[in-house]
Each structure stands twice: as C-alpha cells, then as structure tokens.
N, C-alpha and C. Protein backbone atom coordinates (compact mmCIF):
# COMPACT_ATOMS: atom_id res chain seq x y z
N MET A 1 0.83 -1.13 0.12
CA MET A 1 0.12 0.07 0.03
C MET A 1 0.89 1.09 -0.13
N GLU A 2 1.62 1.43 0.94
CA GLU A 2 2.70 2.20 0.60
C GLU A 2 3.77 2.83 -0.35
N ASP A 3 4.05 1.52 -1.50
CA ASP A 3 4.28 1.55 -2.77
C ASP A 3 3.09 2.48 -3.35
N ASP A 4 2.38 1.78 -3.55
CA ASP A 4 1.16 2.47 -4.37
C ASP A 4 0.84 4.01 -4.22
N ASN A 5 1.01 4.51 -2.91
CA ASN A 5 0.75 5.79 -2.81
C ASN A 5 2.04 6.45 -2.96
N LYS A 6 3.42 6.07 -2.78
CA LYS A 6 4.31 6.95 -3.67
C LYS A 6 3.76 6.87 -5.31
N CYS A 7 3.81 5.77 -6.00
CA CYS A 7 3.38 6.30 -7.22
C CYS A 7 2.34 6.75 -7.46
N ILE A 8 1.40 7.06 -6.62
CA ILE A 8 0.34 8.06 -6.87
C ILE A 8 0.59 9.47 -6.65
N ASP A 9 1.61 9.79 -5.57
CA ASP A 9 1.93 11.09 -5.06
C ASP A 9 2.81 11.26 -6.90
N SER A 10 4.10 10.48 -7.10
CA SER A 10 5.03 11.06 -8.09
C SER A 10 3.78 11.17 -9.22
N LEU A 11 2.69 10.23 -9.34
CA LEU A 11 1.99 10.71 -10.67
C LEU A 11 1.60 12.09 -10.54
N LEU A 12 0.84 12.50 -9.18
CA LEU A 12 0.52 13.71 -9.14
C LEU A 12 1.31 14.96 -9.45
N ILE A 13 2.71 14.70 -8.87
CA ILE A 13 3.37 15.60 -8.99
C ILE A 13 4.00 15.79 -10.91
N THR A 14 4.01 14.69 -11.70
CA THR A 14 4.23 15.17 -12.62
C THR A 14 3.26 15.47 -13.46
N LEU A 15 2.20 15.33 -13.22
CA LEU A 15 0.60 15.80 -13.58
C LEU A 15 0.63 17.31 -13.35
N ASN A 16 0.74 17.55 -12.15
CA ASN A 16 1.04 19.08 -11.83
C ASN A 16 1.73 20.00 -12.63
N TYR A 17 3.45 19.36 -12.61
CA TYR A 17 4.34 19.88 -13.35
C TYR A 17 3.82 20.71 -14.72
N LEU A 18 3.36 19.30 -15.21
CA LEU A 18 2.85 19.20 -16.41
C LEU A 18 1.82 20.41 -17.07
N LYS A 19 0.74 20.64 -15.95
CA LYS A 19 -0.06 21.23 -16.27
C LYS A 19 0.01 22.85 -16.23
N GLU A 20 0.98 23.05 -15.07
CA GLU A 20 2.10 24.47 -14.69
C GLU A 20 2.49 24.70 -16.15
N ASN A 21 3.26 24.06 -16.77
CA ASN A 21 3.87 24.22 -17.90
C ASN A 21 2.84 24.03 -19.22
N GLY A 22 1.56 23.80 -19.39
CA GLY A 22 0.97 23.96 -20.50
C GLY A 22 1.04 22.53 -21.08
N ALA A 23 1.45 21.74 -20.48
CA ALA A 23 1.49 20.62 -21.62
C ALA A 23 0.01 19.95 -21.20
N LEU A 24 -0.50 19.96 -20.68
CA LEU A 24 -2.16 19.22 -20.60
C LEU A 24 -3.19 19.91 -21.46
N ASP A 25 -2.84 21.39 -21.63
CA ASP A 25 -3.61 21.78 -22.17
C ASP A 25 -3.53 22.04 -23.87
N ILE A 26 -2.22 21.65 -24.31
CA ILE A 26 -2.19 22.04 -26.07
C ILE A 26 -3.29 21.18 -26.71
N LYS A 27 -3.58 21.77 -27.93
CA LYS A 27 -4.79 21.56 -28.84
C LYS A 27 -4.30 20.57 -29.56
N PRO A 28 -5.03 19.49 -30.35
CA PRO A 28 -4.63 18.36 -31.00
C PRO A 28 -4.06 19.29 -32.42
N GLY A 29 -2.74 18.21 -32.70
CA GLY A 29 -1.81 18.46 -33.47
C GLY A 29 -0.64 19.94 -33.49
N LYS A 30 -0.96 19.94 -31.95
CA LYS A 30 0.22 21.11 -31.45
C LYS A 30 1.00 20.51 -30.86
N GLN A 31 2.61 21.24 -30.24
CA GLN A 31 3.16 21.05 -29.67
C GLN A 31 3.98 22.38 -28.77
N ILE A 32 4.56 21.86 -27.72
CA ILE A 32 5.16 22.84 -27.17
C ILE A 32 6.59 22.55 -26.41
N GLU A 33 7.35 23.36 -25.87
CA GLU A 33 8.29 22.96 -25.52
C GLU A 33 8.80 23.19 -24.01
N PHE A 34 9.33 23.00 -23.44
CA PHE A 34 9.21 23.29 -21.76
C PHE A 34 10.50 22.73 -20.99
N LYS A 35 11.10 22.95 -20.03
CA LYS A 35 12.27 22.34 -19.34
C LYS A 35 11.55 21.14 -18.42
N CYS A 36 12.29 20.05 -18.69
CA CYS A 36 12.38 19.04 -18.01
C CYS A 36 12.35 19.20 -16.68
N MET A 37 11.14 18.02 -16.27
CA MET A 37 11.33 18.48 -14.32
C MET A 37 12.44 17.56 -14.11
N HIS A 38 12.99 16.70 -14.39
CA HIS A 38 13.93 15.77 -13.63
C HIS A 38 15.28 16.45 -14.15
N CYS A 39 15.66 16.62 -15.51
CA CYS A 39 17.44 16.85 -15.42
C CYS A 39 17.38 18.19 -16.13
N ASP A 40 16.20 19.32 -16.37
CA ASP A 40 16.27 20.57 -16.77
C ASP A 40 16.68 20.86 -18.46
N GLY A 41 16.29 19.19 -18.77
CA GLY A 41 16.90 19.33 -20.27
C GLY A 41 15.61 19.95 -21.28
N ARG A 42 15.44 20.07 -22.41
CA ARG A 42 14.32 20.37 -23.17
C ARG A 42 13.37 18.97 -23.59
N ALA A 43 11.99 19.29 -23.04
CA ALA A 43 11.28 18.97 -23.19
C ALA A 43 10.27 19.31 -23.95
N ILE A 44 9.48 18.12 -24.63
CA ILE A 44 8.39 18.12 -25.71
C ILE A 44 7.48 17.89 -25.57
N ALA A 45 6.27 18.23 -25.63
CA ALA A 45 4.77 17.77 -25.56
C ALA A 45 4.11 18.05 -26.38
N SER A 46 3.14 16.96 -27.22
CA SER A 46 2.62 17.08 -28.48
C SER A 46 1.05 16.34 -28.15
N ARG A 47 -0.03 16.69 -28.97
CA ARG A 47 -0.81 16.14 -28.72
C ARG A 47 -0.98 15.68 -30.25
N ALA A 48 -1.81 14.58 -30.57
CA ALA A 48 -2.05 13.87 -31.65
C ALA A 48 -3.48 14.46 -32.55
N MET A 49 -3.52 14.65 -33.57
CA MET A 49 -4.64 14.96 -34.11
C MET A 49 -5.75 13.71 -34.03
N SER A 50 -5.24 12.57 -34.71
CA SER A 50 -6.12 11.52 -34.82
C SER A 50 -7.08 11.01 -33.32
N ASN A 51 -6.25 10.97 -32.35
CA ASN A 51 -6.95 10.60 -31.36
C ASN A 51 -7.13 11.30 -30.01
N GLY A 52 -6.04 12.39 -30.11
CA GLY A 52 -6.13 13.48 -29.13
C GLY A 52 -4.68 12.94 -28.09
N HIS A 53 -3.86 11.91 -27.83
CA HIS A 53 -3.13 10.97 -27.22
C HIS A 53 -2.07 12.42 -26.85
N LEU A 54 -1.91 12.51 -25.57
CA LEU A 54 -0.61 13.39 -25.19
C LEU A 54 0.83 12.15 -24.98
N TRP A 55 1.96 13.05 -25.93
CA TRP A 55 3.42 12.53 -25.56
C TRP A 55 3.96 13.60 -25.17
N VAL A 56 4.56 13.25 -24.23
CA VAL A 56 5.95 14.05 -23.66
C VAL A 56 7.61 13.24 -23.68
N VAL A 57 8.07 14.04 -24.21
CA VAL A 57 9.42 13.47 -24.13
C VAL A 57 10.42 14.48 -23.85
N CYS A 58 11.33 14.24 -23.05
CA CYS A 58 12.64 15.12 -22.77
C CYS A 58 13.83 14.13 -23.70
N TYR A 59 14.49 14.88 -24.42
CA TYR A 59 15.47 14.54 -25.26
C TYR A 59 17.12 14.26 -24.56
N ASN A 60 16.55 14.60 -23.23
CA ASN A 60 17.78 14.24 -22.55
C ASN A 60 17.88 12.91 -21.95
N CYS A 61 16.67 13.15 -21.02
CA CYS A 61 16.21 11.58 -19.94
C CYS A 61 15.61 10.56 -20.51
N GLY A 62 14.78 10.99 -22.03
CA GLY A 62 13.83 10.01 -22.09
C GLY A 62 11.92 10.49 -21.63
N VAL A 63 11.48 9.73 -22.06
CA VAL A 63 10.01 9.60 -21.97
C VAL A 63 9.41 9.93 -20.54
N LEU A 64 8.55 10.95 -20.57
CA LEU A 64 8.47 11.03 -19.36
C LEU A 64 6.59 11.01 -19.20
N LEU A 65 5.58 10.93 -20.35
CA LEU A 65 4.38 10.49 -20.04
C LEU A 65 3.87 10.11 -21.18
N PHE A 66 3.03 9.38 -21.28
CA PHE A 66 2.60 8.74 -23.14
C PHE A 66 1.00 8.42 -22.52
N GLN A 67 -0.11 9.33 -23.17
CA GLN A 67 -1.31 9.07 -22.44
C GLN A 67 -2.06 8.65 -23.75
C-alpha cells in the first residue's frame, strides 16, 4: 500500500508540473517546448490529431508521459 501511495504521489507531482507548463492544455496537432522536471533538459509535449493522445518526451533523459 505504501508503494502504491508513492506511485500516486509521483504521478500527481508530474501531472501538476505538466499542467503548470501548459502541456496538458495543448490542442490536437500542436506541440510546446519546456524544461524537463527531472534534468532541466529540453522537453516537448505534443497532442495527436488522430486520437488526442498526449506524448511528452525529454531529449536528455527520455519519455516522461504517454497517454
């Protein structure tokens, strides 16, 4: 149960960071660039036109989120 709570807390921290940086609000077919919360590298968030899925990747440390 404690591990589950840590996972949920980590997810909430990530989602809040993405929300603060506008990544959750982008329109389909658009992308934004922002600083990665883990390494301060260049991160890109984009939303697919076809299904609205969100893809967030940091070019320094890897994928942050795929929805």
